[in-house]
């Protein structure tokens, strides 16, 4: 579990989701279609938590409702981008080097 997720063990995530749920129906921050209280939805971070200072609280105005599928799709793309960049860096480092 990342250091960012550890702080949610105190229930702050549930409180934040409850605050967001009171704003529904609201547009999905990913696709723009309405998110309703009966839909499968998640609290989406508009700015990635990667690199966010641990001691600095994540502001509520940067958390918006998103359909579960929209949020997962976006997270998958972010994860793939990180993985692909690592692979490229590794492959570029060994390019042109002859194994003796």
N, C-alpha and C. Protein backbone atom coordinates (compact mmCIF):
# COMPACT_ATOMS: atom_id res chain seq x y z
N UNK A 1 0.85 -1.18 0.00
CA UNK A 1 0.00 0.00 0.00
C UNK A 1 0.89 1.24 0.00
N UNK A 2 0.59 2.19 -0.86
CA UNK A 2 1.42 3.39 -0.95
C UNK A 2 1.21 4.26 0.28
N UNK A 3 2.14 5.16 0.46
CA UNK A 3 2.05 6.04 1.62
C UNK A 3 0.82 6.94 1.54
N UNK A 4 0.37 7.23 0.32
CA UNK A 4 -0.82 8.08 0.16
C UNK A 4 -2.08 7.36 0.62
N UNK A 5 -2.12 6.05 0.41
CA UNK A 5 -3.32 5.31 0.79
C UNK A 5 -3.37 5.02 2.29
N UNK A 6 -2.23 5.03 2.95
CA UNK A 6 -2.22 4.74 4.39
C UNK A 6 -3.07 5.73 5.17
N UNK A 7 -3.06 7.01 4.77
CA UNK A 7 -3.80 8.00 5.54
C UNK A 7 -5.31 7.83 5.43
N UNK A 8 -5.78 7.07 4.43
CA UNK A 8 -7.22 6.87 4.27
C UNK A 8 -7.75 5.81 5.22
N UNK A 9 -6.88 5.14 5.93
CA UNK A 9 -7.33 4.13 6.90
C UNK A 9 -8.10 4.75 8.05
N UNK A 10 -7.91 6.05 8.28
CA UNK A 10 -8.58 6.71 9.40
C UNK A 10 -10.03 7.08 9.07
N UNK A 11 -10.52 6.71 7.89
CA UNK A 11 -11.90 6.98 7.53
C UNK A 11 -12.10 8.25 6.74
N UNK A 12 -11.03 8.99 6.46
CA UNK A 12 -11.17 10.23 5.70
C UNK A 12 -11.75 9.97 4.31
N UNK A 13 -11.37 8.86 3.70
CA UNK A 13 -11.89 8.53 2.38
C UNK A 13 -13.40 8.36 2.38
N UNK A 14 -13.93 7.71 3.42
CA UNK A 14 -15.38 7.51 3.53
C UNK A 14 -16.09 8.85 3.73
N UNK A 15 -15.49 9.72 4.55
CA UNK A 15 -16.10 11.03 4.79
C UNK A 15 -16.09 11.86 3.50
N UNK A 16 -14.99 11.77 2.76
CA UNK A 16 -14.88 12.53 1.52
C UNK A 16 -15.89 12.02 0.49
N UNK A 17 -16.04 10.71 0.41
CA UNK A 17 -17.02 10.13 -0.53
C UNK A 17 -18.44 10.55 -0.14
N UNK A 18 -18.73 10.58 1.16
CA UNK A 18 -20.06 11.00 1.62
C UNK A 18 -20.33 12.46 1.24
N UNK A 19 -19.32 13.31 1.36
CA UNK A 19 -19.48 14.71 0.96
C UNK A 19 -19.76 14.80 -0.54
N UNK A 20 -19.04 14.00 -1.33
CA UNK A 20 -19.26 13.99 -2.78
C UNK A 20 -20.64 13.46 -3.13
N UNK A 21 -21.08 12.44 -2.41
CA UNK A 21 -22.38 11.82 -2.71
C UNK A 21 -23.52 12.82 -2.54
N UNK A 22 -23.35 13.76 -1.63
CA UNK A 22 -24.39 14.78 -1.43
C UNK A 22 -24.51 15.71 -2.64
N UNK A 23 -23.47 15.76 -3.48
CA UNK A 23 -23.50 16.64 -4.66
C UNK A 23 -24.12 15.96 -5.89
N UNK A 24 -24.40 14.65 -5.79
CA UNK A 24 -24.93 13.91 -6.94
C UNK A 24 -26.39 14.25 -7.15
N UNK A 25 -26.90 14.25 -8.36
CA UNK A 25 -26.21 13.94 -9.61
C UNK A 25 -25.26 15.07 -10.00
N UNK A 26 -24.12 14.67 -10.53
CA UNK A 26 -23.09 15.60 -10.98
C UNK A 26 -22.43 15.01 -12.22
N UNK A 27 -21.82 15.85 -13.05
CA UNK A 27 -21.17 15.30 -14.24
C UNK A 27 -19.90 14.52 -13.88
N UNK A 28 -19.68 13.43 -14.60
CA UNK A 28 -18.45 12.65 -14.44
C UNK A 28 -17.29 13.52 -14.89
N UNK A 29 -16.25 13.58 -14.10
CA UNK A 29 -15.11 14.43 -14.46
C UNK A 29 -14.30 13.85 -15.61
N UNK A 30 -14.59 12.63 -16.02
CA UNK A 30 -13.87 12.00 -17.15
C UNK A 30 -14.67 12.07 -18.45
N UNK A 31 -15.95 11.73 -18.42
CA UNK A 31 -16.73 11.66 -19.67
C UNK A 31 -17.79 12.75 -19.78
N UNK A 32 -18.14 13.39 -18.66
CA UNK A 32 -19.12 14.46 -18.69
C UNK A 32 -20.57 14.02 -18.54
N UNK A 33 -20.83 12.72 -18.63
CA UNK A 33 -22.19 12.21 -18.45
C UNK A 33 -22.55 12.24 -16.96
N UNK A 34 -23.83 12.29 -16.62
CA UNK A 34 -24.21 12.39 -15.21
C UNK A 34 -23.85 11.14 -14.40
N UNK A 35 -23.39 11.40 -13.19
CA UNK A 35 -23.16 10.33 -12.20
C UNK A 35 -24.29 10.46 -11.20
N UNK A 36 -25.06 9.40 -11.04
CA UNK A 36 -26.20 9.40 -10.11
C UNK A 36 -25.87 8.53 -8.92
N UNK A 37 -26.57 8.74 -7.83
CA UNK A 37 -26.25 8.02 -6.59
C UNK A 37 -26.38 6.51 -6.74
N UNK A 38 -27.22 6.01 -7.63
CA UNK A 38 -27.37 4.57 -7.81
C UNK A 38 -26.30 3.96 -8.72
N UNK A 39 -25.53 4.80 -9.41
CA UNK A 39 -24.48 4.33 -10.32
C UNK A 39 -23.27 3.82 -9.55
N UNK A 40 -22.46 2.99 -10.22
CA UNK A 40 -21.16 2.63 -9.65
C UNK A 40 -20.23 3.79 -9.95
N UNK A 41 -19.76 4.47 -8.90
CA UNK A 41 -18.91 5.62 -9.10
C UNK A 41 -17.79 5.63 -8.07
N UNK A 42 -16.78 6.42 -8.34
CA UNK A 42 -15.62 6.56 -7.45
C UNK A 42 -15.25 8.02 -7.33
N UNK A 43 -14.56 8.34 -6.26
CA UNK A 43 -14.01 9.68 -6.10
C UNK A 43 -12.70 9.73 -6.89
N UNK A 44 -12.64 10.60 -7.87
CA UNK A 44 -11.48 10.68 -8.76
C UNK A 44 -10.61 11.87 -8.38
N UNK A 45 -9.32 11.65 -8.36
CA UNK A 45 -8.36 12.72 -8.08
C UNK A 45 -8.02 13.42 -9.39
N UNK A 46 -8.32 14.70 -9.49
CA UNK A 46 -8.04 15.43 -10.73
C UNK A 46 -6.55 15.61 -10.95
N UNK A 47 -5.80 15.70 -9.87
CA UNK A 47 -4.34 15.78 -9.94
C UNK A 47 -3.82 14.51 -9.30
N UNK A 48 -2.93 13.82 -9.98
CA UNK A 48 -2.43 12.53 -9.50
C UNK A 48 -1.80 12.64 -8.11
N UNK A 49 -2.02 11.61 -7.32
CA UNK A 49 -1.40 11.55 -6.00
C UNK A 49 0.09 11.25 -6.07
N UNK A 50 0.54 10.75 -7.22
CA UNK A 50 1.96 10.46 -7.38
C UNK A 50 2.71 11.78 -7.30
N UNK A 51 3.60 11.88 -6.36
CA UNK A 51 4.37 13.10 -6.18
C UNK A 51 3.70 14.13 -5.28
N UNK A 52 2.46 13.87 -4.85
CA UNK A 52 1.79 14.81 -3.94
C UNK A 52 2.46 14.71 -2.58
N UNK A 53 2.84 15.84 -1.97
CA UNK A 53 3.52 15.80 -0.66
C UNK A 53 2.66 15.10 0.39
N UNK A 54 3.27 14.17 1.10
CA UNK A 54 2.54 13.36 2.08
C UNK A 54 1.95 14.21 3.19
N UNK A 55 2.68 15.23 3.62
CA UNK A 55 2.24 16.05 4.76
C UNK A 55 1.16 17.07 4.35
N UNK A 56 0.97 17.26 3.06
CA UNK A 56 0.00 18.24 2.58
C UNK A 56 -1.33 17.56 2.27
N UNK A 57 -2.41 17.99 2.90
CA UNK A 57 -3.70 17.35 2.64
C UNK A 57 -4.15 17.59 1.20
N UNK A 58 -4.80 16.61 0.63
CA UNK A 58 -5.31 16.72 -0.74
C UNK A 58 -6.60 17.51 -0.68
N UNK A 59 -6.69 18.65 -1.37
CA UNK A 59 -7.87 19.51 -1.26
C UNK A 59 -9.13 18.89 -1.86
N UNK A 60 -10.25 19.14 -1.20
CA UNK A 60 -11.54 18.60 -1.64
C UNK A 60 -11.92 19.05 -3.05
N UNK A 61 -11.55 20.27 -3.43
CA UNK A 61 -11.98 20.76 -4.75
C UNK A 61 -11.27 20.03 -5.89
N UNK A 62 -10.26 19.22 -5.60
CA UNK A 62 -9.57 18.43 -6.62
C UNK A 62 -10.08 16.99 -6.68
N UNK A 63 -11.15 16.71 -5.95
CA UNK A 63 -11.74 15.37 -5.97
C UNK A 63 -13.16 15.50 -6.50
N UNK A 64 -13.44 14.77 -7.58
CA UNK A 64 -14.74 14.85 -8.25
C UNK A 64 -15.29 13.45 -8.48
N UNK A 65 -16.60 13.32 -8.63
CA UNK A 65 -17.16 11.99 -8.93
C UNK A 65 -16.86 11.58 -10.38
N UNK A 66 -16.61 10.28 -10.55
CA UNK A 66 -16.39 9.71 -11.88
C UNK A 66 -17.03 8.33 -11.91
N UNK A 67 -17.53 7.95 -13.06
CA UNK A 67 -18.02 6.58 -13.20
C UNK A 67 -16.86 5.64 -12.90
N UNK A 68 -17.15 4.54 -12.28
CA UNK A 68 -16.11 3.58 -11.92
C UNK A 68 -15.31 3.17 -13.16
N UNK A 69 -16.00 2.87 -14.26
CA UNK A 69 -15.31 2.44 -15.48
C UNK A 69 -14.44 3.56 -16.05
N UNK A 70 -14.91 4.79 -16.00
CA UNK A 70 -14.12 5.92 -16.51
C UNK A 70 -12.85 6.11 -15.68
N UNK A 71 -13.00 6.04 -14.36
CA UNK A 71 -11.85 6.23 -13.47
C UNK A 71 -10.83 5.11 -13.64
N UNK A 72 -11.31 3.88 -13.73
CA UNK A 72 -10.39 2.74 -13.89
C UNK A 72 -9.67 2.81 -15.23
N UNK A 73 -10.39 3.20 -16.27
CA UNK A 73 -9.78 3.32 -17.59
C UNK A 73 -8.66 4.37 -17.57
N UNK A 74 -8.93 5.50 -16.93
CA UNK A 74 -7.93 6.56 -16.85
C UNK A 74 -6.72 6.11 -16.03
N UNK A 75 -6.98 5.41 -14.93
CA UNK A 75 -5.89 4.90 -14.10
C UNK A 75 -5.06 3.88 -14.83
N UNK A 76 -5.72 3.05 -15.64
CA UNK A 76 -5.00 2.06 -16.44
C UNK A 76 -4.08 2.71 -17.45
N UNK A 77 -4.56 3.79 -18.06
CA UNK A 77 -3.74 4.52 -19.03
C UNK A 77 -2.53 5.15 -18.34
N UNK A 78 -2.75 5.71 -17.15
CA UNK A 78 -1.63 6.31 -16.40
C UNK A 78 -0.60 5.26 -16.03
N UNK A 79 -1.08 4.11 -15.55
CA UNK A 79 -0.17 3.03 -15.17
C UNK A 79 0.59 2.50 -16.37
N UNK A 80 -0.09 2.37 -17.51
CA UNK A 80 0.57 1.89 -18.73
C UNK A 80 1.64 2.88 -19.18
N UNK A 81 1.35 4.16 -19.05
CA UNK A 81 2.32 5.18 -19.46
C UNK A 81 3.60 5.06 -18.63
N UNK A 82 3.45 4.87 -17.32
CA UNK A 82 4.61 4.72 -16.43
C UNK A 82 5.39 3.48 -16.80
N UNK A 83 4.70 2.36 -16.97
CA UNK A 83 5.36 1.10 -17.32
C UNK A 83 6.08 1.20 -18.66
N UNK A 84 5.41 1.75 -19.66
CA UNK A 84 6.02 1.87 -20.98
C UNK A 84 7.24 2.78 -20.96
N UNK A 85 7.19 3.87 -20.20
CA UNK A 85 8.35 4.75 -20.10
C UNK A 85 9.53 4.04 -19.45
N UNK A 86 9.26 3.23 -18.44
CA UNK A 86 10.34 2.47 -17.79
C UNK A 86 10.96 1.47 -18.76
N UNK A 87 10.11 0.79 -19.51
CA UNK A 87 10.61 -0.19 -20.49
C UNK A 87 11.44 0.49 -21.57
N UNK A 88 10.97 1.64 -22.05
CA UNK A 88 11.72 2.36 -23.08
C UNK A 88 13.08 2.80 -22.55
N UNK A 89 13.10 3.31 -21.33
CA UNK A 89 14.36 3.77 -20.74
C UNK A 89 15.33 2.61 -20.61
N UNK A 90 14.83 1.47 -20.20
CA UNK A 90 15.68 0.28 -20.03
C UNK A 90 16.19 -0.18 -21.40
N UNK A 91 15.33 -0.19 -22.39
CA UNK A 91 15.71 -0.65 -23.72
C UNK A 91 16.68 0.33 -24.38
N UNK A 92 16.47 1.64 -24.19
CA UNK A 92 17.38 2.64 -24.77
C UNK A 92 18.76 2.56 -24.15
N UNK A 93 18.82 2.18 -22.87
CA UNK A 93 20.11 2.12 -22.18
C UNK A 93 20.98 1.00 -22.73
N UNK A 94 20.38 -0.05 -23.26
CA UNK A 94 21.17 -1.18 -23.76
C UNK A 94 21.30 -1.17 -25.28
N UNK A 95 20.69 -0.22 -25.96
CA UNK A 95 20.76 -0.15 -27.41
C UNK A 95 22.18 0.18 -27.86
N UNK A 96 22.64 -0.53 -28.83
CA UNK A 96 23.96 -0.24 -29.40
C UNK A 96 25.11 -0.82 -28.61
N UNK A 97 24.84 -1.48 -27.52
CA UNK A 97 25.91 -2.08 -26.71
C UNK A 97 26.04 -3.54 -27.11
N UNK A 98 27.23 -3.90 -27.51
CA UNK A 98 27.45 -5.29 -27.92
C UNK A 98 27.76 -6.16 -26.71
N UNK A 99 27.12 -7.30 -26.62
CA UNK A 99 27.47 -8.22 -25.54
C UNK A 99 28.78 -8.92 -25.87
N UNK A 100 29.79 -8.77 -25.07
CA UNK A 100 31.11 -9.39 -25.32
C UNK A 100 31.19 -10.68 -24.63
